[in-house]
Amino acid sequence: MSHLKYLTGYSPTLQEKVKKLIADDQLGQYLAARYPNTHDVQTDRALYAYCADLKREHLRSADQIDKVAYDSKLDVVRHALGLHTSISRVQGGKLKAKKEIRIASLFKAAAPEFLKMIVVHELAHLKESDHNKAFYRLCEFMQPGYHQIEFDLRLYLTQRELAKKPV
């Protein structure tokens, strides 16, 4: 495997370490040891409550979230793991904006840390629209260790992709 699409922004040295883990068939074991559990947030209603709790804890003054849902097409269609949208509609003489968060369905069977990382990422977009330093500081504030979990999530996605390929 010469190309690790989920790790392209990382250093060649780190990518080589990942390639060695893959070659030694250790990547799955590393992830299983580090993230042995799965979460129980399985429905859209539970996901909405989970997001609302995190928002209430960290982003009280941010805009209200109108809808949160798992989306089975998200990772395939948009090459995204989560999506935040603001849909504007005219109702009467007023313009109303609805905030929505969609999370890729693959996270129904993931570790709780990965689900939280994606939700934190999407919630941070309520305050910071760009992926800048303030955005990542906010992510780190809401989930200490955010950067390591994001990296491990990329490893998880790499492992999932490897498991799909025929031997």
C-alpha atoms as a PDB file:
ATOM      1  CA  MET A   1       0.000   0.000   0.000  1.00  0.00           C
ATOM      2  CA  SER A   2       1.752   3.115  -1.212  1.00  0.00           C
ATOM      3  CA  HIS A   3      -1.078   5.629  -0.726  1.00  0.00           C
ATOM      4  CA  LEU A   4      -2.865   6.227   2.565  1.00  0.00           C
ATOM      5  CA  LYS A   5      -5.675   8.565   1.496  1.00  0.00           C
ATOM      6  CA  TYR A   6      -6.814   9.380   5.035  1.00  0.00           C
ATOM      7  CA  LEU A   7      -3.284  10.308   6.130  1.00  0.00           C
ATOM      8  CA  THR A   8      -2.066  12.483   3.242  1.00  0.00           C
ATOM      9  CA  GLY A   9      -1.596  15.557   5.455  1.00  0.00           C
ATOM     10  CA  TYR A  10       0.722  13.743   7.853  1.00  0.00           C
ATOM     11  CA  SER A  11       4.507  13.445   7.642  1.00  0.00           C
ATOM     12  CA  PRO A  12       6.126  10.731   5.513  1.00  0.00           C
ATOM     13  CA  THR A  13       7.765   9.349   8.665  1.00  0.00           C
ATOM     14  CA  LEU A  14       4.401   8.864  10.348  1.00  0.00           C
ATOM     15  CA  GLN A  15       2.936   7.358   7.188  1.00  0.00           C
ATOM     16  CA  GLU A  16       5.792   4.845   7.092  1.00  0.00           C
ATOM     17  CA  LYS A  17       5.040   3.823  10.670  1.00  0.00           C
ATOM     18  CA  VAL A  18       1.411   3.233   9.697  1.00  0.00           C
ATOM     19  CA  LYS A  19       2.491   1.224   6.641  1.00  0.00           C
ATOM     20  CA  LYS A  20       4.628  -0.936   8.930  1.00  0.00           C
ATOM     21  CA  LEU A  21       1.661  -1.516  11.259  1.00  0.00           C
ATOM     22  CA  ILE A  22      -0.381  -2.564   8.229  1.00  0.00           C
ATOM     23  CA  ALA A  23       2.363  -4.805   6.836  1.00  0.00           C
ATOM     24  CA  ASP A  24       2.784  -6.484  10.233  1.00  0.00           C
ATOM     25  CA  ASP A  25      -1.009  -6.875  10.474  1.00  0.00           C
ATOM     26  CA  GLN A  26      -0.994  -4.863  13.726  1.00  0.00           C
ATOM     27  CA  LEU A  27      -3.240  -1.915  12.864  1.00  0.00           C
ATOM     28  CA  GLY A  28      -6.470  -3.647  13.854  1.00  0.00           C
ATOM     29  CA  GLN A  29      -4.948  -4.850  17.119  1.00  0.00           C
ATOM     30  CA  TYR A  30      -3.682  -1.347  17.935  1.00  0.00           C
ATOM     31  CA  LEU A  31      -7.142   0.134  17.397  1.00  0.00           C
ATOM     32  CA  ALA A  32      -8.948  -2.657  19.278  1.00  0.00           C
ATOM     33  CA  ALA A  33      -6.649  -2.223  22.279  1.00  0.00           C
ATOM     34  CA  ARG A  34      -6.980   1.559  22.286  1.00  0.00           C
ATOM     35  CA  TYR A  35     -10.735   1.708  21.546  1.00  0.00           C
ATOM     36  CA  PRO A  36     -12.315  -1.527  22.806  1.00  0.00           C
ATOM     37  CA  ASN A  37     -15.868  -0.239  23.318  1.00  0.00           C
ATOM     38  CA  THR A  38     -18.748   0.839  21.132  1.00  0.00           C
ATOM     39  CA  HIS A  39     -21.337   3.429  22.068  1.00  0.00           C
ATOM     40  CA  ASP A  40     -25.090   2.995  22.459  1.00  0.00           C
ATOM     41  CA  VAL A  41     -26.195   6.096  20.521  1.00  0.00           C
ATOM     42  CA  GLN A  42     -28.022   4.191  17.801  1.00  0.00           C
ATOM     43  CA  THR A  43     -31.043   6.306  16.824  1.00  0.00           C
ATOM     44  CA  ASP A  44     -31.417   9.793  15.417  1.00  0.00           C
ATOM     45  CA  ARG A  45     -33.279  10.817  18.560  1.00  0.00           C
ATOM     46  CA  ALA A  46     -30.448   9.572  20.797  1.00  0.00           C
ATOM     47  CA  LEU A  47     -27.910  11.287  18.536  1.00  0.00           C
ATOM     48  CA  TYR A  48     -29.834  14.575  18.788  1.00  0.00           C
ATOM     49  CA  ALA A  49     -29.851  14.289  22.592  1.00  0.00           C
ATOM     50  CA  TYR A  50     -26.125  13.458  22.594  1.00  0.00           C
ATOM     51  CA  CYS A  51     -25.330  16.525  20.441  1.00  0.00           C
ATOM     52  CA  ALA A  52     -27.616  18.761  22.496  1.00  0.00           C
ATOM     53  CA  ASP A  53     -25.893  17.689  25.719  1.00  0.00           C
ATOM     54  CA  LEU A  54     -22.441  18.469  24.303  1.00  0.00           C
ATOM     55  CA  LYS A  55     -23.656  21.794  22.944  1.00  0.00           C
ATOM     56  CA  ARG A  56     -25.260  22.693  26.275  1.00  0.00           C
ATOM     57  CA  GLU A  57     -22.037  21.835  28.104  1.00  0.00           C
ATOM     58  CA  HIS A  58     -19.628  23.726  25.831  1.00  0.00           C
ATOM     59  CA  LEU A  59     -21.484  26.076  23.469  1.00  0.00           C
ATOM     60  CA  ARG A  60     -24.416  27.570  25.328  1.00  0.00           C
ATOM     61  CA  SER A  61     -24.482  30.771  23.271  1.00  0.00           C
ATOM     62  CA  ALA A  62     -24.218  29.048  19.861  1.00  0.00           C
ATOM     63  CA  ASP A  63     -27.175  28.776  17.513  1.00  0.00           C
ATOM     64  CA  GLN A  64     -29.846  26.173  18.244  1.00  0.00           C
ATOM     65  CA  ILE A  65     -29.542  22.848  16.398  1.00  0.00           C
ATOM     66  CA  ASP A  66     -32.781  21.959  14.646  1.00  0.00           C
ATOM     67  CA  LYS A  67     -31.975  18.466  13.409  1.00  0.00           C
ATOM     68  CA  VAL A  68     -29.325  15.805  13.980  1.00  0.00           C
ATOM     69  CA  ALA A  69     -29.350  12.513  12.117  1.00  0.00           C
ATOM     70  CA  TYR A  70     -27.286   9.585  10.951  1.00  0.00           C
ATOM     71  CA  ASP A  71     -26.871   9.598   7.176  1.00  0.00           C
ATOM     72  CA  SER A  72     -26.054   6.343   5.370  1.00  0.00           C
ATOM     73  CA  LYS A  73     -25.020   8.131   2.167  1.00  0.00           C
ATOM     74  CA  LEU A  74     -22.786  10.748   3.719  1.00  0.00           C
ATOM     75  CA  ASP A  75     -19.362   9.103   3.474  1.00  0.00           C
ATOM     76  CA  VAL A  76     -20.041   7.703   0.006  1.00  0.00           C
ATOM     77  CA  VAL A  77     -21.612  10.720  -1.655  1.00  0.00           C
ATOM     78  CA  ARG A  78     -19.788  13.655  -0.110  1.00  0.00           C
ATOM     79  CA  HIS A  79     -16.594  11.997   1.143  1.00  0.00           C
ATOM     80  CA  ALA A  80     -17.391  13.463   4.554  1.00  0.00           C
ATOM     81  CA  LEU A  81     -17.886  11.897   7.970  1.00  0.00           C
ATOM     82  CA  GLY A  82     -20.096  14.636   9.292  1.00  0.00           C
ATOM     83  CA  LEU A  83     -21.878  17.583   7.784  1.00  0.00           C
ATOM     84  CA  HIS A  84     -23.273  20.792   9.185  1.00  0.00           C
ATOM     85  CA  THR A  85     -25.724  22.820   7.151  1.00  0.00           C
ATOM     86  CA  SER A  86     -27.741  25.948   7.563  1.00  0.00           C
ATOM     87  CA  ILE A  87     -30.890  25.882   5.477  1.00  0.00           C
ATOM     88  CA  SER A  88     -32.636  29.219   4.990  1.00  0.00           C
ATOM     89  CA  ARG A  89     -36.369  29.331   4.344  1.00  0.00           C
ATOM     90  CA  VAL A  90     -38.797  32.198   3.970  1.00  0.00           C
ATOM     91  CA  GLN A  91     -41.770  31.837   6.288  1.00  0.00           C
ATOM     92  CA  GLY A  92     -44.210  34.678   5.985  1.00  0.00           C
ATOM     93  CA  GLY A  93     -42.133  37.817   5.893  1.00  0.00           C
ATOM     94  CA  LYS A  94     -39.236  36.358   7.842  1.00  0.00           C
ATOM     95  CA  LEU A  95     -36.132  34.448   6.816  1.00  0.00           C
ATOM     96  CA  LYS A  96     -35.509  31.479   9.110  1.00  0.00           C
ATOM     97  CA  ALA A  97     -32.276  29.485   9.190  1.00  0.00           C
ATOM     98  CA  LYS A  98     -32.339  25.870  10.334  1.00  0.00           C
ATOM     99  CA  LYS A  99     -29.109  24.300  11.563  1.00  0.00           C
ATOM    100  CA  GLU A 100     -28.643  20.598  10.798  1.00  0.00           C
ATOM    101  CA  ILE A 101     -25.908  18.125  11.618  1.00  0.00           C
ATOM    102  CA  ARG A 102     -25.574  14.815   9.804  1.00  0.00           C
ATOM    103  CA  ILE A 103     -23.217  12.082  10.956  1.00  0.00           C
ATOM    104  CA  ALA A 104     -22.105   9.205   8.729  1.00  0.00           C
ATOM    105  CA  SER A 105     -23.904   5.990   9.683  1.00  0.00           C
ATOM    106  CA  LEU A 106     -20.611   4.125   9.945  1.00  0.00           C
ATOM    107  CA  PHE A 107     -20.244   5.739  13.378  1.00  0.00           C
ATOM    108  CA  LYS A 108     -23.138   3.719  14.768  1.00  0.00           C
ATOM    109  CA  ALA A 109     -20.666   0.858  15.255  1.00  0.00           C
ATOM    110  CA  ALA A 110     -17.621   2.941  16.189  1.00  0.00           C
ATOM    111  CA  ALA A 111     -15.899   3.706  19.448  1.00  0.00           C
ATOM    112  CA  PRO A 112     -17.561   6.389  21.582  1.00  0.00           C
ATOM    113  CA  GLU A 113     -14.443   8.557  21.254  1.00  0.00           C
ATOM    114  CA  PHE A 114     -14.822   8.595  17.456  1.00  0.00           C
ATOM    115  CA  LEU A 115     -18.498   9.558  17.613  1.00  0.00           C
ATOM    116  CA  LYS A 116     -17.711  12.339  20.065  1.00  0.00           C
ATOM    117  CA  MET A 117     -14.860  13.580  17.869  1.00  0.00           C
ATOM    118  CA  ILE A 118     -17.151  13.882  14.835  1.00  0.00           C
ATOM    119  CA  VAL A 119     -19.917  15.558  16.855  1.00  0.00           C
ATOM    120  CA  VAL A 120     -17.429  17.966  18.465  1.00  0.00           C
ATOM    121  CA  HIS A 121     -16.058  18.794  15.013  1.00  0.00           C
ATOM    122  CA  GLU A 122     -19.506  19.578  13.632  1.00  0.00           C
ATOM    123  CA  LEU A 123     -20.553  21.531  16.733  1.00  0.00           C
ATOM    124  CA  ALA A 124     -17.379  23.623  16.517  1.00  0.00           C
ATOM    125  CA  HIS A 125     -18.582  24.782  13.103  1.00  0.00           C
ATOM    126  CA  LEU A 126     -21.461  26.554  14.870  1.00  0.00           C
ATOM    127  CA  LYS A 127     -18.866  29.011  16.217  1.00  0.00           C
ATOM    128  CA  GLU A 128     -16.058  28.782  13.641  1.00  0.00           C
ATOM    129  CA  SER A 129     -16.911  28.113  10.004  1.00  0.00           C
ATOM    130  CA  ASP A 130     -13.321  27.571   8.828  1.00  0.00           C
ATOM    131  CA  HIS A 131     -10.758  24.991   9.884  1.00  0.00           C
ATOM    132  CA  ASN A 132      -8.463  27.535  11.492  1.00  0.00           C
ATOM    133  CA  LYS A 133      -6.537  27.701  14.775  1.00  0.00           C
ATOM    134  CA  ALA A 134      -9.571  28.963  16.701  1.00  0.00           C
ATOM    135  CA  PHE A 135     -11.632  26.080  15.329  1.00  0.00           C
ATOM    136  CA  TYR A 136      -9.125  23.446  16.475  1.00  0.00           C
ATOM    137  CA  ARG A 137      -8.665  25.152  19.867  1.00  0.00           C
ATOM    138  CA  LEU A 138     -12.418  24.903  20.352  1.00  0.00           C
ATOM    139  CA  CYS A 139     -12.371  21.218  19.346  1.00  0.00           C
ATOM    140  CA  GLU A 140      -9.550  20.559  21.817  1.00  0.00           C
ATOM    141  CA  PHE A 141     -11.472  22.419  24.540  1.00  0.00           C
ATOM    142  CA  MET A 142     -14.593  20.314  23.966  1.00  0.00           C
ATOM    143  CA  GLN A 143     -12.655  17.049  23.693  1.00  0.00           C
ATOM    144  CA  PRO A 144      -9.169  16.982  25.224  1.00  0.00           C
ATOM    145  CA  GLY A 145      -6.898  14.865  23.050  1.00  0.00           C
ATOM    146  CA  TYR A 146      -8.925  15.777  19.960  1.00  0.00           C
ATOM    147  CA  HIS A 147      -5.934  15.654  17.597  1.00  0.00           C
ATOM    148  CA  GLN A 148      -4.872  12.156  18.672  1.00  0.00           C
ATOM    149  CA  ILE A 149      -8.439  10.885  18.372  1.00  0.00           C
ATOM    150  CA  GLU A 150      -8.729  12.452  14.913  1.00  0.00           C
ATOM    151  CA  PHE A 151      -5.524  10.684  13.863  1.00  0.00           C
ATOM    152  CA  ASP A 152      -6.751   7.378  15.300  1.00  0.00           C
ATOM    153  CA  LEU A 153     -10.064   7.885  13.495  1.00  0.00           C
ATOM    154  CA  ARG A 154      -8.102   8.182  10.272  1.00  0.00           C
ATOM    155  CA  LEU A 155      -6.378   4.914  11.159  1.00  0.00           C
ATOM    156  CA  TYR A 156      -9.801   3.365  11.816  1.00  0.00           C
ATOM    157  CA  LEU A 157     -11.017   4.470   8.383  1.00  0.00           C
ATOM    158  CA  THR A 158      -7.870   3.051   6.807  1.00  0.00           C
ATOM    159  CA  GLN A 159      -8.450  -0.257   8.621  1.00  0.00           C
ATOM    160  CA  ARG A 160     -12.086  -0.357   7.464  1.00  0.00           C
ATOM    161  CA  GLU A 161     -11.011   0.193   3.894  1.00  0.00           C
ATOM    162  CA  LEU A 162      -8.367  -2.530   4.112  1.00  0.00           C
ATOM    163  CA  ALA A 163     -10.934  -4.956   5.528  1.00  0.00           C
ATOM    164  CA  LYS A 164     -13.219  -4.332   2.545  1.00  0.00           C
ATOM    165  CA  LYS A 165     -10.567  -5.170  -0.045  1.00  0.00           C
ATOM    166  CA  PRO A 166     -10.356  -8.786  -1.202  1.00  0.00           C
ATOM    167  CA  VAL A 167      -7.113 -10.527  -0.275  1.00  0.00           C
END
